[in-house]
C-alpha atoms as a PDB file:
ATOM      1  CA  UNK A   1     -83.667 199.136  -5.635  1.00  0.00           C
ATOM      2  CA  UNK A   2     -85.598 202.072  -4.174  1.00  0.00           C
ATOM      3  CA  UNK A   3     -87.873 203.134  -7.010  1.00  0.00           C
ATOM      4  CA  UNK A   4     -90.421 205.928  -6.999  1.00  0.00           C
ATOM      5  CA  UNK A   5     -93.136 205.489  -9.588  1.00  0.00           C
ATOM      6  CA  UNK A   6     -95.604 207.967 -11.078  1.00  0.00           C
ATOM      7  CA  UNK A   7     -99.108 207.560  -9.557  1.00  0.00           C
ATOM      8  CA  UNK A   8    -100.460 206.142 -12.824  1.00  0.00           C
ATOM      9  CA  UNK A   9     -97.787 203.432 -12.985  1.00  0.00           C
ATOM     10  CA  UNK A  10     -98.096 202.605  -9.290  1.00  0.00           C
ATOM     11  CA  UNK A  11    -101.863 202.112  -9.586  1.00  0.00           C
ATOM     12  CA  UNK A  12    -101.438 199.991 -12.706  1.00  0.00           C
ATOM     13  CA  UNK A  13     -98.747 197.903 -10.997  1.00  0.00           C
ATOM     14  CA  UNK A  14    -101.004 197.186  -8.016  1.00  0.00           C
ATOM     15  CA  UNK A  15    -103.814 196.150 -10.357  1.00  0.00           C
ATOM     16  CA  UNK A  16    -101.614 193.740 -12.319  1.00  0.00           C
ATOM     17  CA  UNK A  17    -100.058 192.268  -9.160  1.00  0.00           C
ATOM     18  CA  UNK A  18    -103.519 191.734  -7.689  1.00  0.00           C
ATOM     19  CA  UNK A  19    -104.759 190.000 -10.832  1.00  0.00           C
ATOM     20  CA  UNK A  20    -101.695 187.776 -11.141  1.00  0.00           C
ATOM     21  CA  UNK A  21    -101.546 186.769  -7.474  1.00  0.00           C
ATOM     22  CA  UNK A  22    -105.289 186.009  -7.283  1.00  0.00           C
ATOM     23  CA  UNK A  23    -105.135 184.130 -10.619  1.00  0.00           C
ATOM     24  CA  UNK A  24    -108.029 186.140 -11.980  1.00  0.00           C
ATOM     25  CA  UNK A  25    -105.684 187.020 -14.866  1.00  0.00           C
ATOM     26  CA  UNK A  26    -103.908 184.164 -16.648  1.00  0.00           C
ATOM     27  CA  UNK A  27    -102.143 183.181 -19.826  1.00  0.00           C
ATOM     28  CA  UNK A  28    -102.564 185.543 -22.744  1.00  0.00           C
ATOM     29  CA  UNK A  29    -104.431 188.190 -20.741  1.00  0.00           C
ATOM     30  CA  UNK A  30    -101.659 188.150 -18.134  1.00  0.00           C
ATOM     31  CA  UNK A  31     -99.057 188.706 -20.866  1.00  0.00           C
ATOM     32  CA  UNK A  32    -101.043 191.591 -22.359  1.00  0.00           C
ATOM     33  CA  UNK A  33    -101.569 193.341 -19.025  1.00  0.00           C
ATOM     34  CA  UNK A  34     -97.874 192.973 -18.236  1.00  0.00           C
ATOM     35  CA  UNK A  35     -97.020 194.555 -21.587  1.00  0.00           C
ATOM     36  CA  UNK A  36     -99.436 197.404 -20.925  1.00  0.00           C
ATOM     37  CA  UNK A  37     -97.726 198.048 -17.601  1.00  0.00           C
ATOM     38  CA  UNK A  38     -94.247 197.994 -19.147  1.00  0.00           C
ATOM     39  CA  UNK A  39     -95.373 200.374 -21.886  1.00  0.00           C
ATOM     40  CA  UNK A  40     -96.484 202.807 -19.174  1.00  0.00           C
ATOM     41  CA  UNK A  41     -93.138 202.404 -17.402  1.00  0.00           C
ATOM     42  CA  UNK A  42     -91.229 203.250 -20.572  1.00  0.00           C
ATOM     43  CA  UNK A  43     -93.501 206.135 -21.522  1.00  0.00           C
ATOM     44  CA  UNK A  44     -94.156 207.908 -18.211  1.00  0.00           C
ATOM     45  CA  UNK A  45     -91.234 207.147 -15.879  1.00  0.00           C
ATOM     46  CA  UNK A  46     -88.182 209.375 -15.695  1.00  0.00           C
ATOM     47  CA  UNK A  47     -85.055 207.687 -16.977  1.00  0.00           C
ATOM     48  CA  UNK A  48     -82.107 208.930 -18.989  1.00  0.00           C
ATOM     49  CA  UNK A  49     -80.074 205.894 -20.000  1.00  0.00           C
ATOM     50  CA  UNK A  50     -80.751 202.369 -21.186  1.00  0.00           C
ATOM     51  CA  UNK A  51     -79.224 201.045 -17.968  1.00  0.00           C
ATOM     52  CA  UNK A  52     -81.795 202.893 -15.869  1.00  0.00           C
ATOM     53  CA  UNK A  53     -84.645 201.640 -18.050  1.00  0.00           C
ATOM     54  CA  UNK A  54     -83.417 198.043 -17.902  1.00  0.00           C
ATOM     55  CA  UNK A  55     -83.227 198.208 -14.106  1.00  0.00           C
ATOM     56  CA  UNK A  56     -86.770 199.548 -13.854  1.00  0.00           C
ATOM     57  CA  UNK A  57     -88.125 196.824 -16.124  1.00  0.00           C
ATOM     58  CA  UNK A  58     -86.215 194.152 -14.196  1.00  0.00           C
ATOM     59  CA  UNK A  59     -87.670 195.460 -10.927  1.00  0.00           C
ATOM     60  CA  UNK A  60     -91.191 195.241 -12.328  1.00  0.00           C
ATOM     61  CA  UNK A  61     -90.476 191.715 -13.552  1.00  0.00           C
ATOM     62  CA  UNK A  62     -89.254 190.525 -10.155  1.00  0.00           C
ATOM     63  CA  UNK A  63     -92.327 191.942  -8.410  1.00  0.00           C
ATOM     64  CA  UNK A  64     -94.725 190.249 -10.831  1.00  0.00           C
ATOM     65  CA  UNK A  65     -92.863 186.923 -10.715  1.00  0.00           C
ATOM     66  CA  UNK A  66     -92.916 186.943  -6.900  1.00  0.00           C
ATOM     67  CA  UNK A  67     -96.678 187.531  -7.042  1.00  0.00           C
ATOM     68  CA  UNK A  68     -97.221 184.222  -8.891  1.00  0.00           C
ATOM     69  CA  UNK A  69     -94.214 182.063  -9.734  1.00  0.00           C
ATOM     70  CA  UNK A  70     -96.213 179.503 -11.703  1.00  0.00           C
ATOM     71  CA  UNK A  71     -97.368 182.127 -14.233  1.00  0.00           C
ATOM     72  CA  UNK A  72     -94.235 181.928 -16.388  1.00  0.00           C
ATOM     73  CA  UNK A  73     -95.647 184.158 -19.137  1.00  0.00           C
ATOM     74  CA  UNK A  74     -94.919 187.194 -16.956  1.00  0.00           C
ATOM     75  CA  UNK A  75     -91.178 186.567 -16.960  1.00  0.00           C
ATOM     76  CA  UNK A  76     -91.239 185.715 -20.662  1.00  0.00           C
ATOM     77  CA  UNK A  77     -92.855 189.030 -21.586  1.00  0.00           C
ATOM     78  CA  UNK A  78     -90.467 190.996 -19.379  1.00  0.00           C
ATOM     79  CA  UNK A  79     -87.499 189.300 -21.054  1.00  0.00           C
ATOM     80  CA  UNK A  80     -88.895 190.097 -24.494  1.00  0.00           C
ATOM     81  CA  UNK A  81     -89.113 193.782 -23.566  1.00  0.00           C
ATOM     82  CA  UNK A  82     -85.583 193.739 -22.146  1.00  0.00           C
ATOM     83  CA  UNK A  83     -84.340 192.381 -25.473  1.00  0.00           C
ATOM     84  CA  UNK A  84     -86.247 195.121 -27.306  1.00  0.00           C
ATOM     85  CA  UNK A  85     -84.485 197.766 -25.219  1.00  0.00           C
ATOM     86  CA  UNK A  86     -81.068 196.208 -25.807  1.00  0.00           C
ATOM     87  CA  UNK A  87     -81.516 195.807 -29.567  1.00  0.00           C
ATOM     88  CA  UNK A  88     -83.038 199.247 -30.152  1.00  0.00           C
ATOM     89  CA  UNK A  89     -80.357 200.886 -28.048  1.00  0.00           C
ATOM     90  CA  UNK A  90     -77.562 199.067 -29.887  1.00  0.00           C
ATOM     91  CA  UNK A  91     -79.045 199.994 -33.265  1.00  0.00           C
ATOM     92  CA  UNK A  92     -79.433 203.664 -32.344  1.00  0.00           C
ATOM     93  CA  UNK A  93     -75.883 203.769 -31.010  1.00  0.00           C
ATOM     94  CA  UNK A  94     -74.545 202.286 -34.234  1.00  0.00           C
ATOM     95  CA  UNK A  95     -76.457 204.885 -36.206  1.00  0.00           C
ATOM     96  CA  UNK A  96     -75.071 207.694 -34.049  1.00  0.00           C
ATOM     97  CA  UNK A  97     -71.451 206.674 -34.457  1.00  0.00           C
ATOM     98  CA  UNK A  98     -71.898 205.647 -38.082  1.00  0.00           C
ATOM     99  CA  UNK A  99     -70.782 202.087 -37.459  1.00  0.00           C
ATOM    100  CA  UNK A 100     -71.354 199.625 -40.253  1.00  0.00           C
ATOM    101  CA  UNK A 101     -70.177 196.459 -38.552  1.00  0.00           C
ATOM    102  CA  UNK A 102     -72.593 193.962 -37.065  1.00  0.00           C
ATOM    103  CA  UNK A 103     -72.063 191.795 -33.972  1.00  0.00           C
ATOM    104  CA  UNK A 104     -70.316 188.487 -34.593  1.00  0.00           C
ATOM    105  CA  UNK A 105     -72.039 185.168 -33.954  1.00  0.00           C
ATOM    106  CA  UNK A 106     -69.642 184.612 -31.076  1.00  0.00           C
ATOM    107  CA  UNK A 107     -70.799 187.831 -29.399  1.00  0.00           C
ATOM    108  CA  UNK A 108     -74.462 187.048 -29.984  1.00  0.00           C
ATOM    109  CA  UNK A 109     -74.215 183.574 -28.457  1.00  0.00           C
ATOM    110  CA  UNK A 110     -72.354 184.854 -25.431  1.00  0.00           C
ATOM    111  CA  UNK A 111     -74.679 187.820 -25.022  1.00  0.00           C
ATOM    112  CA  UNK A 112     -71.790 190.265 -24.800  1.00  0.00           C
ATOM    113  CA  UNK A 113     -72.333 193.972 -24.873  1.00  0.00           C
ATOM    114  CA  UNK A 114     -70.472 197.120 -23.948  1.00  0.00           C
ATOM    115  CA  UNK A 115     -71.582 197.909 -20.395  1.00  0.00           C
ATOM    116  CA  UNK A 116     -70.137 201.404 -20.632  1.00  0.00           C
ATOM    117  CA  UNK A 117     -72.307 202.122 -23.658  1.00  0.00           C
ATOM    118  CA  UNK A 118     -75.472 201.520 -21.613  1.00  0.00           C
ATOM    119  CA  UNK A 119     -74.873 204.834 -19.867  1.00  0.00           C
ATOM    120  CA  UNK A 120     -75.026 206.884 -23.054  1.00  0.00           C
ATOM    121  CA  UNK A 121     -78.177 208.966 -23.541  1.00  0.00           C
ATOM    122  CA  UNK A 122     -80.171 208.257 -26.694  1.00  0.00           C
ATOM    123  CA  UNK A 123     -83.257 210.523 -26.939  1.00  0.00           C
ATOM    124  CA  UNK A 124     -84.954 208.405 -29.613  1.00  0.00           C
ATOM    125  CA  UNK A 125     -84.882 205.256 -27.467  1.00  0.00           C
ATOM    126  CA  UNK A 126     -88.119 205.971 -25.595  1.00  0.00           C
ATOM    127  CA  UNK A 127     -90.317 206.272 -28.681  1.00  0.00           C
ATOM    128  CA  UNK A 128     -88.668 203.328 -30.422  1.00  0.00           C
ATOM    129  CA  UNK A 129     -89.208 201.022 -27.447  1.00  0.00           C
ATOM    130  CA  UNK A 130     -92.851 202.092 -27.086  1.00  0.00           C
ATOM    131  CA  UNK A 131     -93.480 201.287 -30.749  1.00  0.00           C
ATOM    132  CA  UNK A 132     -91.794 197.888 -30.430  1.00  0.00           C
ATOM    133  CA  UNK A 133     -93.835 197.059 -27.316  1.00  0.00           C
ATOM    134  CA  UNK A 134     -97.029 197.954 -29.190  1.00  0.00           C
ATOM    135  CA  UNK A 135     -96.022 195.594 -32.001  1.00  0.00           C
ATOM    136  CA  UNK A 136     -95.315 192.831 -29.480  1.00  0.00           C
ATOM    137  CA  UNK A 137     -98.715 193.498 -27.891  1.00  0.00           C
ATOM    138  CA  UNK A 138    -100.439 192.992 -31.241  1.00  0.00           C
ATOM    139  CA  UNK A 139     -98.397 189.837 -31.891  1.00  0.00           C
ATOM    140  CA  UNK A 140     -99.459 188.247 -28.604  1.00  0.00           C
ATOM    141  CA  UNK A 141    -103.090 189.359 -28.976  1.00  0.00           C
ATOM    142  CA  UNK A 142    -103.329 187.566 -32.333  1.00  0.00           C
ATOM    143  CA  UNK A 143    -100.909 184.700 -31.615  1.00  0.00           C
ATOM    144  CA  UNK A 144    -103.609 182.022 -31.666  1.00  0.00           C
ATOM    145  CA  UNK A 145    -104.755 182.872 -35.205  1.00  0.00           C
ATOM    146  CA  UNK A 146    -101.718 181.420 -37.068  1.00  0.00           C
ATOM    147  CA  UNK A 147    -101.858 178.329 -34.851  1.00  0.00           C
ATOM    148  CA  UNK A 148    -105.556 177.827 -35.534  1.00  0.00           C
ATOM    149  CA  UNK A 149    -104.925 178.204 -39.270  1.00  0.00           C
ATOM    150  CA  UNK A 150    -102.614 175.164 -39.142  1.00  0.00           C
ATOM    151  CA  UNK A 151    -105.435 172.935 -37.891  1.00  0.00           C
ATOM    152  CA  UNK A 152    -106.419 172.142 -41.486  1.00  0.00           C
ATOM    153  CA  UNK A 153    -103.021 170.499 -41.990  1.00  0.00           C
ATOM    154  CA  UNK A 154    -103.154 168.397 -38.822  1.00  0.00           C
ATOM    155  CA  UNK A 155    -106.827 167.577 -38.214  1.00  0.00           C
ATOM    156  CA  UNK A 156    -108.511 165.377 -40.813  1.00  0.00           C
ATOM    157  CA  UNK A 157    -111.951 163.934 -41.395  1.00  0.00           C
ATOM    158  CA  UNK A 158    -112.909 161.027 -39.113  1.00  0.00           C
ATOM    159  CA  UNK A 159    -109.890 161.569 -36.852  1.00  0.00           C
ATOM    160  CA  UNK A 160    -110.191 160.830 -33.137  1.00  0.00           C
ATOM    161  CA  UNK A 161    -108.291 163.513 -31.224  1.00  0.00           C
ATOM    162  CA  UNK A 162    -107.524 163.401 -27.491  1.00  0.00           C
ATOM    163  CA  UNK A 163    -106.920 166.539 -25.428  1.00  0.00           C
ATOM    164  CA  UNK A 164    -107.046 167.809 -21.840  1.00  0.00           C
ATOM    165  CA  UNK A 165    -107.490 170.988 -19.825  1.00  0.00           C
ATOM    166  CA  UNK A 166    -109.731 173.909 -20.757  1.00  0.00           C
ATOM    167  CA  UNK A 167    -107.658 176.046 -23.107  1.00  0.00           C
ATOM    168  CA  UNK A 168    -108.839 178.820 -25.416  1.00  0.00           C
ATOM    169  CA  UNK A 169    -106.028 177.859 -27.800  1.00  0.00           C
ATOM    170  CA  UNK A 170    -107.358 174.320 -28.123  1.00  0.00           C
ATOM    171  CA  UNK A 171    -110.900 175.573 -28.727  1.00  0.00           C
ATOM    172  CA  UNK A 172    -109.728 177.951 -31.469  1.00  0.00           C
ATOM    173  CA  UNK A 173    -107.545 175.229 -33.018  1.00  0.00           C
ATOM    174  CA  UNK A 174    -110.375 172.688 -33.173  1.00  0.00           C
ATOM    175  CA  UNK A 175    -113.027 175.112 -34.381  1.00  0.00           C
ATOM    176  CA  UNK A 176    -110.809 176.411 -37.204  1.00  0.00           C
ATOM    177  CA  UNK A 177    -110.667 172.971 -38.798  1.00  0.00           C
ATOM    178  CA  UNK A 178    -113.197 172.299 -41.537  1.00  0.00           C
ATOM    179  CA  UNK A 179    -112.977 168.542 -41.050  1.00  0.00           C
ATOM    180  CA  UNK A 180    -115.479 166.582 -38.990  1.00  0.00           C
ATOM    181  CA  UNK A 181    -113.639 164.661 -36.291  1.00  0.00           C
ATOM    182  CA  UNK A 182    -114.344 163.233 -32.866  1.00  0.00           C
ATOM    183  CA  UNK A 183    -112.819 164.770 -29.754  1.00  0.00           C
ATOM    184  CA  UNK A 184    -112.014 162.921 -26.538  1.00  0.00           C
ATOM    185  CA  UNK A 185    -111.439 165.138 -23.516  1.00  0.00           C
ATOM    186  CA  UNK A 186    -109.786 163.922 -20.317  1.00  0.00           C
ATOM    187  CA  UNK A 187    -112.043 164.570 -17.341  1.00  0.00           C
ATOM    188  CA  UNK A 188    -109.226 166.251 -15.376  1.00  0.00           C
ATOM    189  CA  UNK A 189    -110.442 165.293 -11.920  1.00  0.00           C
ATOM    190  CA  UNK A 190    -110.809 166.795  -9.373  1.00  0.00           C
ATOM    191  CA  UNK A 191    -111.116 170.197 -11.114  1.00  0.00           C
ATOM    192  CA  UNK A 192    -113.344 168.710 -13.852  1.00  0.00           C
ATOM    193  CA  UNK A 193    -111.928 171.178 -16.374  1.00  0.00           C
ATOM    194  CA  UNK A 194    -112.522 168.592 -19.085  1.00  0.00           C
ATOM    195  CA  UNK A 195    -116.283 168.976 -18.710  1.00  0.00           C
ATOM    196  CA  UNK A 196    -116.007 172.727 -19.285  1.00  0.00           C
ATOM    197  CA  UNK A 197    -113.866 172.191 -22.380  1.00  0.00           C
ATOM    198  CA  UNK A 198    -116.236 169.558 -23.778  1.00  0.00           C
ATOM    199  CA  UNK A 199    -119.138 171.990 -23.418  1.00  0.00           C
ATOM    200  CA  UNK A 200    -117.308 174.421 -25.729  1.00  0.00           C
ATOM    201  CA  UNK A 201    -116.588 171.875 -28.457  1.00  0.00           C
ATOM    202  CA  UNK A 202    -118.858 170.070 -30.918  1.00  0.00           C
ATOM    203  CA  UNK A 203    -118.869 166.281 -30.899  1.00  0.00           C
ATOM    204  CA  UNK A 204    -116.772 165.989 -27.717  1.00  0.00           C
ATOM    205  CA  UNK A 205    -116.799 163.112 -25.230  1.00  0.00           C
ATOM    206  CA  UNK A 206    -115.479 163.332 -21.669  1.00  0.00           C
ATOM    207  CA  UNK A 207    -113.288 160.384 -20.674  1.00  0.00           C
ATOM    208  CA  UNK A 208    -112.154 159.552 -17.115  1.00  0.00           C
ATOM    209  CA  UNK A 209    -108.407 159.270 -16.654  1.00  0.00           C
ATOM    210  CA  UNK A 210    -108.700 155.555 -15.833  1.00  0.00           C
ATOM    211  CA  UNK A 211    -109.909 154.860 -19.386  1.00  0.00           C
ATOM    212  CA  UNK A 212    -107.187 156.811 -21.220  1.00  0.00           C
ATOM    213  CA  UNK A 213    -104.910 153.856 -21.946  1.00  0.00           C
ATOM    214  CA  UNK A 214    -107.770 151.595 -23.027  1.00  0.00           C
ATOM    215  CA  UNK A 215    -108.975 154.140 -25.601  1.00  0.00           C
ATOM    216  CA  UNK A 216    -105.566 155.195 -26.894  1.00  0.00           C
ATOM    217  CA  UNK A 217    -105.420 152.463 -29.549  1.00  0.00           C
ATOM    218  CA  UNK A 218    -108.313 154.187 -31.355  1.00  0.00           C
ATOM    219  CA  UNK A 219    -106.814 157.691 -31.176  1.00  0.00           C
ATOM    220  CA  UNK A 220    -105.082 159.319 -34.163  1.00  0.00           C
ATOM    221  CA  UNK A 221    -103.327 162.207 -32.368  1.00  0.00           C
ATOM    222  CA  UNK A 222    -102.976 164.045 -29.063  1.00  0.00           C
ATOM    223  CA  UNK A 223    -103.301 167.843 -28.875  1.00  0.00           C
ATOM    224  CA  UNK A 224    -102.027 169.440 -25.662  1.00  0.00           C
ATOM    225  CA  UNK A 225    -102.165 173.134 -24.710  1.00  0.00           C
ATOM    226  CA  UNK A 226     -98.968 174.734 -23.432  1.00  0.00           C
ATOM    227  CA  UNK A 227     -98.874 176.459 -20.090  1.00  0.00           C
ATOM    228  CA  UNK A 228     -95.182 176.869 -20.894  1.00  0.00           C
ATOM    229  CA  UNK A 229     -92.462 175.318 -23.046  1.00  0.00           C
ATOM    230  CA  UNK A 230     -89.212 175.056 -21.108  1.00  0.00           C
ATOM    231  CA  UNK A 231     -85.635 175.459 -22.287  1.00  0.00           C
ATOM    232  CA  UNK A 232     -85.045 171.741 -22.855  1.00  0.00           C
ATOM    233  CA  UNK A 233     -88.180 171.425 -24.993  1.00  0.00           C
ATOM    234  CA  UNK A 234     -90.344 169.973 -22.211  1.00  0.00           C
ATOM    235  CA  UNK A 235     -94.024 170.897 -22.156  1.00  0.00           C
ATOM    236  CA  UNK A 236     -95.778 172.199 -19.062  1.00  0.00           C
ATOM    237  CA  UNK A 237     -99.436 171.372 -19.675  1.00  0.00           C
ATOM    238  CA  UNK A 238    -102.628 170.905 -17.644  1.00  0.00           C
ATOM    239  CA  UNK A 239    -102.925 167.544 -15.936  1.00  0.00           C
ATOM    240  CA  UNK A 240    -103.252 164.725 -17.061  1.00  0.00           C
ATOM    241  CA  UNK A 241    -101.135 165.664 -20.081  1.00  0.00           C
ATOM    242  CA  UNK A 242     -98.262 163.426 -18.972  1.00  0.00           C
ATOM    243  CA  UNK A 243    -100.606 160.431 -18.755  1.00  0.00           C
ATOM    244  CA  UNK A 244    -101.853 161.099 -22.286  1.00  0.00           C
ATOM    245  CA  UNK A 245     -98.315 161.462 -23.646  1.00  0.00           C
ATOM    246  CA  UNK A 246     -97.111 158.233 -22.003  1.00  0.00           C
ATOM    247  CA  UNK A 247    -100.058 156.269 -23.355  1.00  0.00           C
ATOM    248  CA  UNK A 248     -99.558 157.846 -26.780  1.00  0.00           C
ATOM    249  CA  UNK A 249     -95.925 156.722 -26.860  1.00  0.00           C
ATOM    250  CA  UNK A 250     -96.915 153.112 -26.222  1.00  0.00           C
ATOM    251  CA  UNK A 251     -99.423 153.210 -29.089  1.00  0.00           C
ATOM    252  CA  UNK A 252     -97.256 155.281 -31.482  1.00  0.00           C
ATOM    253  CA  UNK A 253     -99.742 158.182 -31.457  1.00  0.00           C
ATOM    254  CA  UNK A 254     -98.265 161.613 -32.349  1.00  0.00           C
ATOM    255  CA  UNK A 255     -98.409 164.336 -29.684  1.00  0.00           C
ATOM    256  CA  UNK A 256     -98.829 167.972 -30.755  1.00  0.00           C
ATOM    257  CA  UNK A 257     -98.300 170.932 -28.418  1.00  0.00           C
ATOM    258  CA  UNK A 258     -99.971 174.299 -29.062  1.00  0.00           C
ATOM    259  CA  UNK A 259     -97.419 176.884 -27.964  1.00  0.00           C
ATOM    260  CA  UNK A 260     -97.572 180.591 -28.837  1.00  0.00           C
ATOM    261  CA  UNK A 261     -94.090 182.097 -28.628  1.00  0.00           C
ATOM    262  CA  UNK A 262     -94.867 184.092 -25.479  1.00  0.00           C
ATOM    263  CA  UNK A 263     -95.111 180.751 -23.665  1.00  0.00           C
ATOM    264  CA  UNK A 264     -91.501 179.771 -24.446  1.00  0.00           C
ATOM    265  CA  UNK A 265     -89.472 180.062 -21.257  1.00  0.00           C
ATOM    266  CA  UNK A 266     -85.647 179.903 -20.845  1.00  0.00           C
ATOM    267  CA  UNK A 267     -86.065 178.123 -17.507  1.00  0.00           C
ATOM    268  CA  UNK A 268     -84.980 174.497 -17.028  1.00  0.00           C
ATOM    269  CA  UNK A 269     -87.141 171.999 -15.071  1.00  0.00           C
ATOM    270  CA  UNK A 270     -84.707 171.293 -12.235  1.00  0.00           C
ATOM    271  CA  UNK A 271     -87.528 170.313  -9.852  1.00  0.00           C
ATOM    272  CA  UNK A 272     -90.817 169.356 -11.537  1.00  0.00           C
ATOM    273  CA  UNK A 273     -92.767 169.904  -8.299  1.00  0.00           C
ATOM    274  CA  UNK A 274     -91.825 173.586  -8.345  1.00  0.00           C
ATOM    275  CA  UNK A 275     -93.811 173.918 -11.571  1.00  0.00           C
ATOM    276  CA  UNK A 276     -96.655 171.512 -10.742  1.00  0.00           C
ATOM    277  CA  UNK A 277     -98.910 174.246  -9.286  1.00  0.00           C
ATOM    278  CA  UNK A 278     -99.955 172.162  -6.297  1.00  0.00           C
ATOM    279  CA  UNK A 279    -103.472 172.809  -5.016  1.00  0.00           C
ATOM    280  CA  UNK A 280    -105.068 171.771  -1.743  1.00  0.00           C
ATOM    281  CA  UNK A 281    -105.249 167.969  -1.278  1.00  0.00           C
ATOM    282  CA  UNK A 282    -108.723 168.436   0.205  1.00  0.00           C
ATOM    283  CA  UNK A 283    -110.213 167.855  -3.247  1.00  0.00           C
ATOM    284  CA  UNK A 284    -108.405 164.511  -3.565  1.00  0.00           C
ATOM    285  CA  UNK A 285    -108.544 163.229   0.020  1.00  0.00           C
ATOM    286  CA  UNK A 286    -110.995 165.106   2.283  1.00  0.00           C
ATOM    287  CA  UNK A 287    -109.566 165.942   5.684  1.00  0.00           C
ATOM    288  CA  UNK A 288    -112.558 164.297   7.371  1.00  0.00           C
ATOM    289  CA  UNK A 289    -111.284 160.902   6.227  1.00  0.00           C
ATOM    290  CA  UNK A 290    -107.890 161.229   7.883  1.00  0.00           C
ATOM    291  CA  UNK A 291    -108.712 160.542  11.597  1.00  0.00           C
ATOM    292  CA  UNK A 292    -110.343 157.200  10.793  1.00  0.00           C
ATOM    293  CA  UNK A 293    -107.724 156.075   8.289  1.00  0.00           C
ATOM    294  CA  UNK A 294    -104.475 157.191   9.917  1.00  0.00           C
ATOM    295  CA  UNK A 295    -103.189 155.962  13.252  1.00  0.00           C
ATOM    296  CA  UNK A 296    -101.852 158.530  15.678  1.00  0.00           C
ATOM    297  CA  UNK A 297     -98.461 156.825  15.899  1.00  0.00           C
ATOM    298  CA  UNK A 298     -97.888 156.839  12.123  1.00  0.00           C
ATOM    299  CA  UNK A 299     -96.956 159.809   9.944  1.00  0.00           C
ATOM    300  CA  UNK A 300     -99.823 161.303   7.926  1.00  0.00           C
ATOM    301  CA  UNK A 301     -99.999 160.463   4.235  1.00  0.00           C
ATOM    302  CA  UNK A 302     -98.559 162.848   1.689  1.00  0.00           C
ATOM    303  CA  UNK A 303    -101.234 163.745  -0.852  1.00  0.00           C
ATOM    304  CA  UNK A 304    -100.316 165.827  -3.911  1.00  0.00           C
ATOM    305  CA  UNK A 305    -102.854 167.561  -6.119  1.00  0.00           C
ATOM    306  CA  UNK A 306    -100.915 168.975  -9.105  1.00  0.00           C
ATOM    307  CA  UNK A 307    -102.782 170.919 -11.772  1.00  0.00           C
ATOM    308  CA  UNK A 308     -99.860 170.982 -14.226  1.00  0.00           C
ATOM    309  CA  UNK A 309     -97.874 168.100 -15.717  1.00  0.00           C
ATOM    310  CA  UNK A 310     -94.335 168.227 -17.064  1.00  0.00           C
ATOM    311  CA  UNK A 311     -94.104 166.262 -20.318  1.00  0.00           C
ATOM    312  CA  UNK A 312     -90.491 165.436 -21.348  1.00  0.00           C
ATOM    313  CA  UNK A 313     -89.424 166.553 -24.830  1.00  0.00           C
ATOM    314  CA  UNK A 314     -88.998 162.968 -26.044  1.00  0.00           C
ATOM    315  CA  UNK A 315     -92.775 162.495 -25.694  1.00  0.00           C
ATOM    316  CA  UNK A 316     -93.606 165.532 -27.864  1.00  0.00           C
ATOM    317  CA  UNK A 317     -93.557 165.179 -31.646  1.00  0.00           C
ATOM    318  CA  UNK A 318     -94.298 168.742 -32.748  1.00  0.00           C
ATOM    319  CA  UNK A 319     -94.926 172.227 -31.420  1.00  0.00           C
ATOM    320  CA  UNK A 320     -97.251 174.534 -33.332  1.00  0.00           C
ATOM    321  CA  UNK A 321     -96.327 178.180 -32.735  1.00  0.00           C
ATOM    322  CA  UNK A 322     -97.464 181.436 -34.291  1.00  0.00           C
ATOM    323  CA  UNK A 323     -94.335 181.317 -36.485  1.00  0.00           C
ATOM    324  CA  UNK A 324     -94.794 177.752 -37.699  1.00  0.00           C
ATOM    325  CA  UNK A 325     -94.281 174.141 -36.654  1.00  0.00           C
ATOM    326  CA  UNK A 326     -91.103 173.163 -34.790  1.00  0.00           C
ATOM    327  CA  UNK A 327     -89.699 170.054 -33.165  1.00  0.00           C
ATOM    328  CA  UNK A 328     -88.749 170.170 -29.458  1.00  0.00           C
ATOM    329  CA  UNK A 329     -85.054 170.069 -30.412  1.00  0.00           C
ATOM    330  CA  UNK A 330     -85.483 173.462 -32.114  1.00  0.00           C
ATOM    331  CA  UNK A 331     -86.713 175.238 -28.980  1.00  0.00           C
ATOM    332  CA  UNK A 332     -83.184 176.325 -28.046  1.00  0.00           C
ATOM    333  CA  UNK A 333     -82.923 178.233 -31.329  1.00  0.00           C
ATOM    334  CA  UNK A 334     -86.221 180.007 -30.746  1.00  0.00           C
ATOM    335  CA  UNK A 335     -85.123 180.982 -27.241  1.00  0.00           C
ATOM    336  CA  UNK A 336     -81.895 182.450 -28.637  1.00  0.00           C
ATOM    337  CA  UNK A 337     -83.969 184.670 -30.923  1.00  0.00           C
ATOM    338  CA  UNK A 338     -86.485 185.742 -28.266  1.00  0.00           C
ATOM    339  CA  UNK A 339     -84.319 186.455 -25.217  1.00  0.00           C
ATOM    340  CA  UNK A 340     -80.888 187.774 -24.374  1.00  0.00           C
ATOM    341  CA  UNK A 341     -78.726 185.402 -22.280  1.00  0.00           C
ATOM    342  CA  UNK A 342     -78.155 188.359 -19.956  1.00  0.00           C
ATOM    343  CA  UNK A 343     -81.846 188.356 -19.033  1.00  0.00           C
ATOM    344  CA  UNK A 344     -82.474 184.674 -18.347  1.00  0.00           C
ATOM    345  CA  UNK A 345     -82.162 185.377 -14.612  1.00  0.00           C
ATOM    346  CA  UNK A 346     -84.210 188.398 -13.658  1.00  0.00           C
END
């Protein structure tokens, strides 16, 4: 698609692509900057029909996803905006023709729509979509607040809570609780993100991964941040989340995932390594050690340094979202509300 953008949009696109590809912008901030870019596309670009607008938004989504495929929030936000365009357009068209019927459940589940109708011009669509994007922006900006408010129901006095990573959502969740509890933080070697998280929390102790299983019998619950929640209910979380969840299952310890809705992704985990966000193995096995430890006539060792773990849905007990608490089996229903089946593949 050969697209010519206004100078303002082109400059904003380059800025967002640079931030996403360099990983200087992540998570919630990445979602907000993507929304700001899409709002500019809707408001300043020249388009006449919903079909043209959908194609422009899809093009932006593909560019941002190619810039950083592990940052799944980009695709999620783009799909949310595509659904906004489809729903607003359908509603305005029904108002224009005076239709009183609503789509059947069969049509909703199949994602059917009248392709010919996408070429009709609806002048009010631009303003409606901009307003809906602004509302979505506010929802994402404040998405952690409802999750943090639920901490009083799940964190109790004298609890021992285990977590990992260095997530703002976890910090807000723990600090919102009025109870005094002890926090264990996985060290997360070799990045040592656990030390940075422990420095932000009161009464936190850093635990090396080797001691996780030994301490699990004393733990009351696991709280894991969500990098993404996939279509089958699996949780993509900072390493060593999978280790914590496995140990928790053996000791019957509940596992809670903190997952704002913008982190729900309609993608399935066909190959976990594609989502593992592999970093350089230099931090795990320095290259200087290889000549003395590997013979020339043998293949070199394969060393993986994943920063994200895929936790299967059967190891997760509950997801806390900004709309409430849900079990992993309910994720499919949330995805049906958030995204159109037509937009799962951008």
